[in-house]
Amino acid sequence: MNPGAQHSDGPVAQPLRSDAERNRGRIIAAARTVFARDGLNASMASVAREAGVGIATMFRRFPTKAELVDAVFSDRMGAYADAVAAALADPDPWNGFVGYIESACAMQAADSGFADVLTMTFPTAKVLEARRNEAYEGMVKLIGRAKATGRLREDFDPSDLVLIHMANAGVVNATGDAAPDAWRRVVALMIQSLEAPARGSLPDSPGHDALYKAMLRAGQTGAAAPPPGKGG
């Protein structure tokens, strides 16, 4: 650094850093509000308006929507992973399994953005995806334990949990404030259909790879954003 520049530049640097941090916090708070209300299809421009910042400022802080999703939902995905851990700690594996489904679906119902997050994947959102993978490993154990009790039907597959989240997200997004508790009935119907003995066979599972592709495609659509305009 040029010592001669310290007098003129030094006092300005710290306020700029503080402003940048304040803007980042405002954007994250605004994104929580907008995504919870409108889901992940909400535009970056709508988040910028809610935050009271220009679109150029938005993209300086978060160059991609996936980065914003990571910042907004990593803690919620952490709570989701915690719900899996709590289910594994239940001495009754079936109760733990049912409690997990009810808890996860309640999280979706409380936040339309998170309802979408559980049906999408964002490979560049490192923190969020790490917590999702942690939760998935726990879910596989949970499913195995519930099957071992004889309460969970044997043909249940881990990918079926993704389908449950997709179905619940659809109900949550379709009913909204008009029927805010409709998801509870749908989830209860699904849980009862999972209990052994099964009354009939199921069609083949779409499988992990196919659902991952679907989640990746949904994430790419949800994270799509126009390039930043001038100004702001």
Protein backbone atom coordinates (compact mmCIF):
# COMPACT_ATOMS: atom_id res chain seq x y z
CA MET A 1 0.00 0.00 0.00
CA ASN A 2 1.18 3.51 -0.77
CA PRO A 3 1.67 5.25 2.61
CA GLY A 4 0.64 8.52 1.07
CA ALA A 5 -2.78 7.03 0.29
CA GLN A 6 -3.59 6.14 3.88
CA HIS A 7 -4.91 9.57 4.80
CA SER A 8 -7.31 9.87 1.86
CA ASP A 9 -8.35 6.23 1.43
CA GLY A 10 -8.15 4.84 4.96
CA PRO A 11 -11.23 6.52 6.46
CA VAL A 12 -13.34 5.52 3.45
CA ALA A 13 -12.44 1.80 3.43
CA GLN A 14 -14.11 0.78 6.70
CA PRO A 15 -17.49 2.42 5.97
CA LEU A 16 -17.53 0.70 2.59
CA ARG A 17 -16.95 -2.66 4.24
CA SER A 18 -19.68 -1.89 6.77
CA ASP A 19 -22.05 -0.83 4.01
CA ALA A 20 -21.32 -4.01 2.09
CA GLU A 21 -22.05 -6.13 5.15
CA ARG A 22 -25.25 -4.23 5.88
CA ASN A 23 -26.37 -4.68 2.29
CA ARG A 24 -25.62 -8.39 2.46
CA GLY A 25 -27.67 -8.75 5.63
CA ARG A 26 -30.56 -6.75 4.15
CA ILE A 27 -30.54 -8.90 1.02
CA ILE A 28 -30.56 -12.16 2.98
CA ALA A 29 -33.40 -10.93 5.21
CA ALA A 30 -35.36 -9.77 2.18
CA ALA A 31 -34.77 -13.06 0.39
CA ARG A 32 -36.10 -14.98 3.39
CA THR A 33 -39.31 -12.95 3.20
CA VAL A 34 -39.71 -13.13 -0.57
CA PHE A 35 -38.83 -16.82 -0.95
CA ALA A 36 -41.05 -17.81 2.00
CA ARG A 37 -43.94 -15.95 0.40
CA ASP A 38 -43.40 -16.64 -3.31
CA GLY A 39 -41.10 -19.67 -3.47
CA LEU A 40 -37.81 -19.94 -5.33
CA ASN A 41 -39.27 -18.79 -8.63
CA ALA A 42 -39.29 -15.29 -7.19
CA SER A 43 -36.91 -13.08 -9.13
CA MET A 44 -33.67 -11.58 -7.91
CA ALA A 45 -35.18 -8.19 -8.81
CA SER A 46 -38.05 -8.75 -6.38
CA VAL A 47 -35.54 -9.57 -3.63
CA ALA A 48 -33.59 -6.40 -4.45
CA ARG A 49 -36.77 -4.32 -4.22
CA GLU A 50 -37.67 -5.90 -0.87
CA ALA A 51 -34.16 -5.17 0.40
CA GLY A 52 -34.19 -1.61 -0.91
CA VAL A 53 -31.01 -2.06 -2.95
CA GLY A 54 -30.24 -1.76 -6.64
CA ILE A 55 -29.98 -4.85 -8.81
CA ALA A 56 -26.29 -4.19 -9.39
CA THR A 57 -25.70 -4.21 -5.62
CA MET A 58 -27.63 -7.47 -5.42
CA PHE A 59 -25.39 -9.14 -7.97
CA ARG A 60 -22.21 -7.81 -6.41
CA ARG A 61 -23.16 -9.50 -3.15
CA PHE A 62 -24.66 -12.63 -4.76
CA PRO A 63 -23.54 -13.16 -8.36
CA THR A 64 -25.84 -16.17 -8.75
CA LYS A 65 -29.19 -17.13 -7.30
CA ALA A 66 -27.70 -20.41 -6.07
CA GLU A 67 -25.32 -18.42 -3.83
CA LEU A 68 -28.26 -16.51 -2.40
CA VAL A 69 -30.19 -19.75 -1.83
CA ASP A 70 -27.15 -21.16 -0.02
CA ALA A 71 -26.96 -18.14 2.28
CA VAL A 72 -30.70 -18.10 2.99
CA PHE A 73 -31.43 -21.79 3.46
CA SER A 74 -28.28 -23.40 4.86
CA ASP A 75 -29.58 -22.96 8.41
CA ARG A 76 -32.96 -24.41 7.47
CA MET A 77 -31.28 -27.39 5.85
CA GLY A 78 -29.34 -27.72 9.09
CA ALA A 79 -32.64 -27.87 11.00
CA TYR A 80 -33.82 -30.48 8.50
CA ALA A 81 -30.71 -32.58 9.17
CA ASP A 82 -31.37 -32.15 12.89
CA ALA A 83 -34.89 -33.53 12.39
CA VAL A 84 -33.39 -36.66 10.87
CA ALA A 85 -30.98 -36.98 13.81
CA ALA A 86 -33.88 -36.61 16.26
CA ALA A 87 -35.80 -39.32 14.41
CA LEU A 88 -32.83 -41.66 14.62
CA ALA A 89 -32.64 -41.03 18.37
CA ASP A 90 -36.26 -42.14 18.88
CA PRO A 91 -36.29 -45.58 20.57
CA ASP A 92 -39.23 -46.55 18.33
CA PRO A 93 -37.96 -46.48 14.71
CA TRP A 94 -41.47 -46.29 13.24
CA ASN A 95 -42.40 -43.33 15.45
CA GLY A 96 -39.11 -41.72 14.52
CA PHE A 97 -39.78 -42.25 10.83
CA VAL A 98 -43.31 -40.84 11.04
CA GLY A 99 -42.14 -37.93 13.18
CA TYR A 100 -39.45 -37.10 10.65
CA ILE A 101 -41.91 -36.98 7.75
CA GLU A 102 -44.33 -34.81 9.72
CA SER A 103 -41.54 -32.45 10.83
CA ALA A 104 -40.01 -32.11 7.36
CA CYS A 105 -43.39 -31.49 5.73
CA ALA A 106 -44.24 -28.91 8.41
CA MET A 107 -41.00 -27.09 7.54
CA GLN A 108 -42.12 -27.01 3.92
CA ALA A 109 -45.56 -25.73 4.88
CA ALA A 110 -44.05 -22.92 6.96
CA ASP A 111 -41.82 -21.66 4.15
CA SER A 112 -42.66 -21.91 0.46
CA GLY A 113 -39.02 -21.33 -0.40
CA PHE A 114 -37.90 -24.27 1.69
CA ALA A 115 -40.74 -26.33 0.25
CA ASP A 116 -39.03 -25.81 -3.10
CA VAL A 117 -35.49 -26.32 -1.77
CA LEU A 118 -36.30 -29.90 -0.72
CA THR A 119 -37.36 -30.68 -4.29
CA MET A 120 -34.33 -29.10 -5.97
CA THR A 121 -30.57 -29.46 -5.84
CA PHE A 122 -27.94 -26.74 -6.23
CA PRO A 123 -24.46 -28.25 -6.76
CA THR A 124 -22.71 -24.90 -6.22
CA ALA A 125 -24.47 -24.30 -2.88
CA LYS A 126 -21.81 -26.16 -0.93
CA VAL A 127 -23.01 -25.66 2.64
CA LEU A 128 -26.64 -26.39 1.83
CA GLU A 129 -25.82 -29.52 -0.17
CA ALA A 130 -23.45 -30.81 2.51
CA ARG A 131 -26.27 -30.65 5.07
CA ARG A 132 -28.66 -32.28 2.59
CA ASN A 133 -26.21 -35.17 2.09
CA GLU A 134 -25.83 -35.51 5.85
CA ALA A 135 -29.60 -35.74 6.17
CA TYR A 136 -29.85 -38.27 3.33
CA GLU A 137 -27.37 -40.64 4.97
CA GLY A 138 -29.40 -40.46 8.17
CA MET A 139 -32.64 -41.08 6.28
CA VAL A 140 -31.26 -44.28 4.74
CA LYS A 141 -30.49 -45.56 8.25
CA LEU A 142 -33.91 -44.46 9.47
CA ILE A 143 -35.67 -46.32 6.67
CA GLY A 144 -33.69 -49.49 7.37
CA ARG A 145 -34.58 -49.38 11.06
CA ALA A 146 -38.26 -48.75 10.38
CA LYS A 147 -38.36 -51.70 7.98
CA ALA A 148 -36.65 -53.92 10.55
CA THR A 149 -39.55 -53.36 12.95
CA GLY A 150 -42.00 -54.64 10.34
CA ARG A 151 -43.97 -51.37 10.41
CA LEU A 152 -42.64 -49.84 7.18
CA ARG A 153 -43.53 -51.61 3.94
CA GLU A 154 -40.56 -53.46 2.45
CA ASP A 155 -40.81 -51.90 -1.00
CA PHE A 156 -40.34 -48.36 0.33
CA ASP A 157 -37.29 -46.76 -1.28
CA PRO A 158 -35.26 -43.73 -0.12
CA SER A 159 -36.20 -41.96 -3.36
CA ASP A 160 -39.82 -42.17 -2.20
CA LEU A 161 -39.01 -39.50 0.39
CA VAL A 162 -38.13 -37.15 -2.44
CA LEU A 163 -41.48 -37.91 -4.05
CA ILE A 164 -43.22 -37.18 -0.73
CA HIS A 165 -41.46 -33.80 -0.54
CA MET A 166 -42.38 -33.05 -4.15
CA ALA A 167 -46.02 -33.94 -3.50
CA ASN A 168 -46.15 -31.90 -0.31
CA ALA A 169 -44.50 -28.89 -1.99
CA GLY A 170 -47.14 -29.06 -4.70
CA VAL A 171 -49.94 -29.06 -2.13
CA VAL A 172 -48.34 -26.24 -0.11
CA ASN A 173 -47.81 -24.07 -3.18
CA ALA A 174 -51.27 -24.82 -4.61
CA THR A 175 -53.33 -24.25 -1.46
CA GLY A 176 -51.40 -21.38 0.13
CA ASP A 177 -53.42 -19.23 2.52
CA ALA A 178 -56.70 -20.54 1.15
CA ALA A 179 -56.29 -23.95 2.83
CA PRO A 180 -53.11 -23.69 4.90
CA ASP A 181 -53.59 -27.03 6.68
CA ALA A 182 -54.46 -29.12 3.62
CA TRP A 183 -50.95 -30.56 3.58
CA ARG A 184 -51.59 -32.26 6.93
CA ARG A 185 -54.33 -34.45 5.46
CA VAL A 186 -52.23 -35.36 2.44
CA VAL A 187 -49.24 -36.25 4.63
CA ALA A 188 -51.45 -38.38 6.90
CA LEU A 189 -52.80 -40.22 3.87
CA MET A 190 -49.26 -40.86 2.63
CA ILE A 191 -48.01 -42.07 6.01
CA GLN A 192 -50.91 -44.50 6.35
CA SER A 193 -50.13 -45.88 2.90
CA LEU A 194 -46.55 -46.61 3.98
CA GLU A 195 -47.38 -48.82 6.94
CA ALA A 196 -47.04 -52.59 6.61
CA PRO A 197 -48.63 -54.84 5.66
CA ALA A 198 -48.90 -53.30 2.20
CA ARG A 199 -52.24 -53.74 0.50
CA GLY A 200 -50.73 -54.01 -2.94
CA SER A 201 -47.52 -53.67 -4.88
CA LEU A 202 -46.09 -50.37 -6.06
CA PRO A 203 -44.91 -49.40 -9.54
CA ASP A 204 -41.13 -49.36 -9.93
CA SER A 205 -39.29 -46.54 -8.19
CA PRO A 206 -37.92 -43.86 -10.52
CA GLY A 207 -34.61 -44.35 -8.73
CA HIS A 208 -32.04 -42.02 -7.23
CA ASP A 209 -30.37 -40.97 -10.49
CA ALA A 210 -33.59 -40.05 -12.26
CA LEU A 211 -34.84 -38.00 -9.32
CA TYR A 212 -31.47 -36.29 -8.95
CA LYS A 213 -31.72 -35.19 -12.59
CA ALA A 214 -35.24 -33.90 -11.94
CA MET A 215 -34.09 -32.00 -8.84
CA LEU A 216 -31.08 -30.60 -10.72
CA ARG A 217 -33.27 -29.41 -13.58
CA ALA A 218 -35.72 -27.83 -11.12
CA GLY A 219 -32.83 -26.14 -9.32
CA GLN A 220 -31.47 -24.74 -12.56
CA THR A 221 -34.90 -23.37 -13.43
CA GLY A 222 -35.47 -21.94 -9.98
CA ALA A 223 -32.01 -20.39 -9.85
CA ALA A 224 -32.18 -18.85 -13.30
CA ALA A 225 -31.75 -15.11 -13.20
CA PRO A 226 -31.28 -12.38 -15.79
CA PRO A 227 -27.91 -10.66 -15.97
CA PRO A 228 -27.63 -7.57 -13.79
CA GLY A 229 -28.63 -4.32 -15.42
CA LYS A 230 -26.74 -1.11 -15.21
CA GLY A 231 -27.05 1.15 -12.26
CA GLY A 232 -28.20 0.40 -8.72
